[in-house]
Protein backbone atom coordinates (compact mmCIF):
# COMPACT_ATOMS: atom_id res chain seq x y z
CA MET A 1 20.86 15.53 -22.65
CA ASP A 2 19.86 13.26 -19.86
CA ILE A 3 18.32 10.60 -22.07
CA PHE A 4 21.71 9.78 -23.60
CA GLN A 5 23.24 9.38 -20.21
CA ILE A 6 20.42 7.24 -19.02
CA VAL A 7 20.46 4.97 -22.11
CA GLY A 8 24.24 4.72 -22.00
CA LEU A 9 24.08 3.73 -18.33
CA GLY A 10 21.36 1.18 -19.06
CA MET A 11 23.19 -0.35 -21.98
CA VAL A 12 26.48 -0.67 -19.95
CA VAL A 13 24.71 -2.08 -16.94
CA CYS A 14 22.72 -4.45 -19.12
CA VAL A 15 25.87 -5.91 -20.72
CA LEU A 16 27.59 -6.19 -17.34
CA ALA A 17 24.52 -7.85 -15.73
CA ILE A 18 24.43 -10.41 -18.51
CA ILE A 19 28.02 -11.30 -17.96
CA LEU A 20 27.65 -11.26 -14.14
CA ARG A 21 24.49 -13.29 -14.19
CA HIS A 22 26.36 -16.48 -15.33
CA GLN A 23 29.08 -16.09 -12.67
CA LYS A 24 27.46 -14.20 -9.72
CA PRO A 25 23.68 -13.79 -10.04
CA PRO A 26 23.27 -11.82 -6.78
CA MET A 27 25.85 -9.25 -7.91
CA ALA A 28 23.98 -8.82 -11.20
CA THR A 29 20.77 -8.14 -9.33
CA LEU A 30 22.57 -5.59 -7.05
CA LEU A 31 24.10 -3.89 -10.12
CA THR A 32 20.70 -3.52 -11.89
CA MET A 33 19.09 -2.25 -8.74
CA THR A 34 21.80 0.19 -8.19
CA ALA A 35 21.49 1.50 -11.83
CA GLY A 36 17.77 1.87 -11.30
CA ILE A 37 18.32 4.04 -8.23
CA ILE A 38 20.93 6.14 -10.08
CA ILE A 39 18.45 6.71 -12.93
CA PHE A 40 15.80 7.70 -10.39
CA ILE A 41 18.21 10.16 -8.81
CA ILE A 42 19.15 11.59 -12.24
CA MET A 43 15.46 12.21 -12.95
CA LEU A 44 14.64 13.91 -9.60
CA PRO A 45 15.31 17.44 -10.88
CA GLN A 46 12.93 17.01 -13.71
CA ILE A 47 10.31 15.60 -11.43
CA THR A 48 10.70 18.46 -9.05
CA ALA A 49 10.43 20.97 -11.99
CA VAL A 50 7.11 19.42 -13.05
CA PHE A 51 5.71 19.53 -9.52
CA SER A 52 6.63 23.14 -9.07
CA ILE A 53 4.98 24.03 -12.48
CA PHE A 54 1.77 22.24 -11.24
CA ARG A 55 1.93 24.12 -7.99
CA ASP A 56 2.34 27.50 -9.72
CA LEU A 57 -0.57 26.71 -12.13
CA SER A 58 -2.85 25.64 -9.24
CA SER A 59 -2.12 28.87 -7.41
CA GLN A 60 -2.87 30.86 -10.49
CA ALA A 61 -6.17 29.01 -10.94
CA ASN A 62 -7.17 29.56 -7.36
CA VAL A 63 -7.18 25.81 -6.76
CA ASN A 64 -7.00 24.83 -3.09
CA MET A 65 -3.33 23.85 -2.50
CA VAL A 66 -4.44 20.97 -0.19
CA TYR A 67 -6.09 19.23 -3.16
CA MET A 68 -3.29 19.92 -5.54
CA GLY A 69 -0.74 18.71 -2.97
CA THR A 70 -2.72 15.52 -2.53
CA ILE A 71 -2.91 14.88 -6.23
CA LEU A 72 0.92 15.35 -6.52
CA LYS A 73 1.42 13.07 -3.58
CA ILE A 74 -0.81 10.46 -5.28
CA VAL A 75 1.25 10.76 -8.46
CA GLY A 76 4.47 10.44 -6.42
CA VAL A 77 3.12 7.29 -4.62
CA ALA A 78 2.23 5.72 -7.92
CA TYR A 79 5.65 6.34 -9.50
CA ILE A 80 7.53 5.17 -6.42
CA ALA A 81 5.46 2.04 -6.05
CA ASP A 82 5.93 1.27 -9.77
CA PHE A 83 9.70 1.81 -9.39
CA GLY A 84 9.86 -0.42 -6.32
CA SER A 85 7.70 -3.18 -7.83
CA GLN A 86 9.85 -3.27 -11.00
CA ILE A 87 12.97 -3.55 -8.95
CA CYS A 88 11.32 -6.55 -7.13
CA ARG A 89 10.35 -8.08 -10.45
CA ASP A 90 13.89 -7.69 -11.77
CA ALA A 91 15.15 -9.56 -8.65
CA GLY A 92 12.71 -12.35 -9.36
CA GLU A 93 10.23 -11.43 -6.57
CA GLY A 94 7.02 -11.14 -8.41
CA ALA A 95 4.93 -11.80 -5.39
CA LEU A 96 6.50 -9.01 -3.38
CA ALA A 97 6.07 -6.71 -6.40
CA SER A 98 2.38 -7.44 -6.40
CA LYS A 99 2.14 -6.76 -2.65
CA ILE A 100 3.83 -3.33 -3.25
CA GLU A 101 1.34 -2.44 -5.94
CA PHE A 102 -1.50 -3.52 -3.75
CA ALA A 103 -0.32 -1.35 -0.90
CA ALA A 104 0.12 1.58 -3.23
CA LYS A 105 -3.47 1.20 -4.53
CA ILE A 106 -4.76 1.27 -0.97
CA ILE A 107 -2.54 4.32 -0.07
CA VAL A 108 -3.90 6.12 -3.15
CA LEU A 109 -7.47 5.33 -2.29
CA VAL A 110 -7.09 6.58 1.24
CA MET A 111 -5.27 9.77 -0.01
CA ALA A 112 -8.06 10.39 -2.54
CA VAL A 113 -10.95 10.36 -0.05
CA PRO A 114 -10.70 14.09 0.82
CA ILE A 115 -10.85 15.04 -2.88
CA ILE A 116 -13.82 12.68 -3.50
CA VAL A 117 -15.63 14.13 -0.55
CA ALA A 118 -15.03 17.66 -1.80
CA VAL A 119 -16.32 16.75 -5.25
CA LEU A 120 -19.38 15.12 -3.90
CA GLN A 121 -20.11 18.10 -1.51
CA SER A 122 -19.76 20.46 -4.47
CA LEU A 123 -22.24 18.31 -6.51
CA LEU A 124 -24.70 18.29 -3.52
CA LYS A 125 -24.60 22.12 -3.43
CA LEU A 126 -25.60 22.19 -7.09
CA VAL A 127 -28.54 19.82 -6.64
CA PRO A 128 -31.61 21.47 -5.06
């Protein structure tokens, strides 16, 4: 099961990072960043599987794929931004992490505009 691999990797890297932090702090930061990237790569097949299930369900429900694709992209932006900001925080760069989160919020807002417009147009059709 992947969770055992991830937790095992996390525990080993945690112990190594604690040891390295006293002798070579930059190496400890690089080690934790590398572990985070490896965990992200391990999880990519599961993420891909969830996205394909959502695409299948949206096609069965006759939901426009443009909207579903946009929603999945928004979810992806949120996860990637969170991952990047956490790496920055782990490296002691809280200000940079906040800027990544801010940029992600703006990107999500821009990406959501077509969906918001479609919902509002649908509501206007219902109102006489």
